[in-house]
Amino acid sequence: MTNPFEDPDALYLILVNNEGQHSLWPTSIAVPDGWVTAYDKNSRSNCLKYVEEQWTDMRPKSLIEADRG
């Protein structure tokens, strides 16, 4: 059995939680509570490219806001 999070041939989503954290998520697994789809189903490589382009600050949103004062 292969890891569904590492299957290069599967379709994935990009999920985002309320802290702005992103997750690569297999379409074969239900989206967990507290997460929303930010990028609809696509190849693993396209999803990872999206994450690299969009999630440029790895800090949680609450920490970013606290740093701004």
N, C-alpha and C. Protein backbone atom coordinates (compact mmCIF):
# COMPACT_ATOMS: atom_id res chain seq x y z
N MET A 1 0.85 -1.19 0.00
CA MET A 1 0.00 0.00 0.00
C MET A 1 0.89 1.24 0.00
N THR A 2 0.61 2.18 -0.89
CA THR A 2 1.41 3.39 -0.97
C THR A 2 0.80 4.49 -0.11
N ASN A 3 1.63 5.42 0.27
CA ASN A 3 1.19 6.57 1.06
C ASN A 3 0.40 7.49 0.13
N PRO A 4 -0.88 7.76 0.44
CA PRO A 4 -1.69 8.61 -0.46
C PRO A 4 -1.19 10.05 -0.55
N PHE A 5 -0.33 10.46 0.37
CA PHE A 5 0.21 11.82 0.35
C PHE A 5 1.46 11.92 -0.52
N GLU A 6 1.93 10.79 -1.02
CA GLU A 6 3.16 10.79 -1.82
C GLU A 6 3.00 10.16 -3.19
N ASP A 7 1.78 9.89 -3.60
CA ASP A 7 1.52 9.26 -4.89
C ASP A 7 1.67 10.30 -6.01
N PRO A 8 2.70 10.16 -6.85
CA PRO A 8 2.93 11.17 -7.89
C PRO A 8 1.84 11.19 -8.97
N ASP A 9 1.04 10.12 -9.06
CA ASP A 9 0.02 10.03 -10.10
C ASP A 9 -1.38 10.42 -9.61
N ALA A 10 -1.52 10.67 -8.32
CA ALA A 10 -2.83 11.01 -7.75
C ALA A 10 -3.16 12.48 -7.98
N LEU A 11 -4.42 12.83 -7.75
CA LEU A 11 -4.85 14.22 -7.78
C LEU A 11 -4.92 14.74 -6.35
N TYR A 12 -4.59 16.01 -6.19
CA TYR A 12 -4.51 16.62 -4.87
C TYR A 12 -5.27 17.94 -4.84
N LEU A 13 -5.52 18.39 -3.63
CA LEU A 13 -6.05 19.72 -3.35
C LEU A 13 -5.01 20.44 -2.51
N ILE A 14 -5.13 21.75 -2.45
CA ILE A 14 -4.39 22.50 -1.44
C ILE A 14 -5.42 23.04 -0.47
N LEU A 15 -5.24 22.69 0.80
CA LEU A 15 -6.13 23.15 1.86
C LEU A 15 -5.45 24.25 2.65
N VAL A 16 -6.26 25.13 3.24
CA VAL A 16 -5.74 26.20 4.09
C VAL A 16 -6.61 26.24 5.35
N ASN A 17 -5.95 26.42 6.50
CA ASN A 17 -6.71 26.55 7.75
C ASN A 17 -6.82 28.02 8.15
N ASN A 18 -7.44 28.30 9.28
CA ASN A 18 -7.67 29.68 9.69
C ASN A 18 -6.39 30.41 10.08
N GLU A 19 -5.28 29.70 10.21
CA GLU A 19 -3.99 30.32 10.49
C GLU A 19 -3.18 30.55 9.21
N GLY A 20 -3.79 30.24 8.06
CA GLY A 20 -3.13 30.45 6.78
C GLY A 20 -2.14 29.35 6.42
N GLN A 21 -2.13 28.27 7.18
CA GLN A 21 -1.22 27.17 6.90
C GLN A 21 -1.79 26.32 5.77
N HIS A 22 -0.93 25.88 4.86
CA HIS A 22 -1.33 25.13 3.68
C HIS A 22 -1.02 23.65 3.85
N SER A 23 -1.81 22.82 3.18
CA SER A 23 -1.60 21.38 3.22
C SER A 23 -1.90 20.76 1.86
N LEU A 24 -1.00 19.93 1.39
CA LEU A 24 -1.23 19.12 0.20
C LEU A 24 -2.14 17.97 0.63
N TRP A 25 -3.29 17.79 -0.04
CA TRP A 25 -4.28 16.84 0.44
C TRP A 25 -4.80 15.97 -0.71
N PRO A 26 -4.72 14.66 -0.59
CA PRO A 26 -5.24 13.77 -1.64
C PRO A 26 -6.75 13.94 -1.80
N THR A 27 -7.22 13.96 -3.04
CA THR A 27 -8.65 14.10 -3.28
C THR A 27 -9.43 12.88 -2.81
N SER A 28 -8.74 11.77 -2.59
CA SER A 28 -9.40 10.54 -2.15
C SER A 28 -9.74 10.55 -0.66
N ILE A 29 -9.30 11.57 0.06
CA ILE A 29 -9.54 11.68 1.50
C ILE A 29 -10.39 12.92 1.76
N ALA A 30 -11.40 12.79 2.60
CA ALA A 30 -12.30 13.91 2.90
C ALA A 30 -11.53 15.07 3.54
N VAL A 31 -11.94 16.27 3.19
CA VAL A 31 -11.34 17.48 3.76
C VAL A 31 -11.70 17.53 5.25
N PRO A 32 -10.70 17.66 6.13
CA PRO A 32 -10.99 17.68 7.57
C PRO A 32 -11.62 19.00 8.01
N ASP A 33 -12.34 18.94 9.11
CA ASP A 33 -12.94 20.15 9.68
C ASP A 33 -11.86 21.19 9.95
N GLY A 34 -12.20 22.44 9.72
CA GLY A 34 -11.27 23.52 9.98
C GLY A 34 -10.38 23.87 8.80
N TRP A 35 -10.52 23.16 7.71
CA TRP A 35 -9.72 23.41 6.51
C TRP A 35 -10.65 23.69 5.34
N VAL A 36 -10.22 24.57 4.42
CA VAL A 36 -10.98 24.86 3.21
C VAL A 36 -10.07 24.66 2.00
N THR A 37 -10.68 24.38 0.88
CA THR A 37 -9.92 24.19 -0.35
C THR A 37 -9.51 25.54 -0.92
N ALA A 38 -8.21 25.73 -1.09
CA ALA A 38 -7.68 26.97 -1.66
C ALA A 38 -7.28 26.79 -3.12
N TYR A 39 -7.03 25.54 -3.51
CA TYR A 39 -6.61 25.23 -4.88
C TYR A 39 -7.24 23.89 -5.23
N ASP A 40 -8.07 23.89 -6.28
CA ASP A 40 -8.84 22.70 -6.62
C ASP A 40 -7.96 21.60 -7.20
N LYS A 41 -8.55 20.44 -7.36
CA LYS A 41 -7.78 19.24 -7.73
C LYS A 41 -6.90 19.46 -8.94
N ASN A 42 -5.67 18.96 -8.77
CA ASN A 42 -4.66 19.10 -9.81
C ASN A 42 -3.56 18.08 -9.52
N SER A 43 -2.55 18.07 -10.35
CA SER A 43 -1.43 17.14 -10.15
C SER A 43 -0.64 17.53 -8.90
N ARG A 44 0.09 16.61 -8.38
CA ARG A 44 0.91 16.86 -7.18
C ARG A 44 1.89 17.99 -7.45
N SER A 45 2.55 17.95 -8.60
CA SER A 45 3.55 18.97 -8.91
C SER A 45 2.92 20.36 -9.05
N ASN A 46 1.75 20.47 -9.66
CA ASN A 46 1.09 21.78 -9.78
C ASN A 46 0.64 22.29 -8.42
N CYS A 47 0.17 21.39 -7.57
CA CYS A 47 -0.24 21.80 -6.22
C CYS A 47 0.96 22.30 -5.42
N LEU A 48 2.07 21.59 -5.51
CA LEU A 48 3.27 22.02 -4.78
C LEU A 48 3.78 23.36 -5.30
N LYS A 49 3.67 23.56 -6.59
CA LYS A 49 4.07 24.85 -7.17
C LYS A 49 3.19 25.97 -6.61
N TYR A 50 1.89 25.71 -6.51
CA TYR A 50 0.96 26.69 -5.94
C TYR A 50 1.37 27.05 -4.51
N VAL A 51 1.67 26.05 -3.71
CA VAL A 51 2.08 26.29 -2.33
C VAL A 51 3.34 27.15 -2.28
N GLU A 52 4.32 26.83 -3.10
CA GLU A 52 5.57 27.61 -3.12
C GLU A 52 5.30 29.07 -3.47
N GLU A 53 4.37 29.31 -4.38
CA GLU A 53 4.07 30.67 -4.81
C GLU A 53 3.21 31.43 -3.80
N GLN A 54 2.30 30.75 -3.12
CA GLN A 54 1.31 31.41 -2.26
C GLN A 54 1.69 31.48 -0.79
N TRP A 55 2.36 30.47 -0.29
CA TRP A 55 2.65 30.40 1.15
C TRP A 55 4.10 30.81 1.38
N THR A 56 4.34 32.09 1.31
CA THR A 56 5.71 32.60 1.37
C THR A 56 6.17 32.89 2.80
N ASP A 57 5.24 33.00 3.72
CA ASP A 57 5.58 33.23 5.13
C ASP A 57 4.99 32.07 5.92
N MET A 58 5.86 31.20 6.42
CA MET A 58 5.42 29.97 7.07
C MET A 58 4.84 30.18 8.47
N ARG A 59 4.95 31.39 8.99
CA ARG A 59 4.42 31.65 10.34
C ARG A 59 2.90 31.62 10.33
N PRO A 60 2.29 31.14 11.41
CA PRO A 60 0.83 31.20 11.52
C PRO A 60 0.36 32.66 11.47
N LYS A 61 -0.84 32.86 10.94
CA LYS A 61 -1.41 34.20 10.78
C LYS A 61 -1.42 34.97 12.12
N SER A 62 -1.74 34.29 13.21
CA SER A 62 -1.79 34.95 14.51
C SER A 62 -0.42 35.48 14.94
N LEU A 63 0.64 34.79 14.59
CA LEU A 63 1.98 35.26 14.92
C LEU A 63 2.38 36.45 14.04
N ILE A 64 2.02 36.38 12.77
CA ILE A 64 2.29 37.51 11.85
C ILE A 64 1.61 38.76 12.37
N GLU A 65 0.35 38.64 12.78
CA GLU A 65 -0.41 39.78 13.27
C GLU A 65 0.16 40.29 14.59
N ALA A 66 0.61 39.39 15.46
CA ALA A 66 1.21 39.80 16.74
C ALA A 66 2.53 40.55 16.51
N ASP A 67 3.30 40.13 15.52
CA ASP A 67 4.57 40.80 15.21
C ASP A 67 4.35 42.21 14.67
N ARG A 68 3.21 42.43 14.04
CA ARG A 68 2.90 43.76 13.49
C ARG A 68 2.53 44.74 14.60
N GLY A 69 2.15 44.19 15.76
CA GLY A 69 1.84 45.03 16.91
C GLY A 69 0.48 45.52 16.88
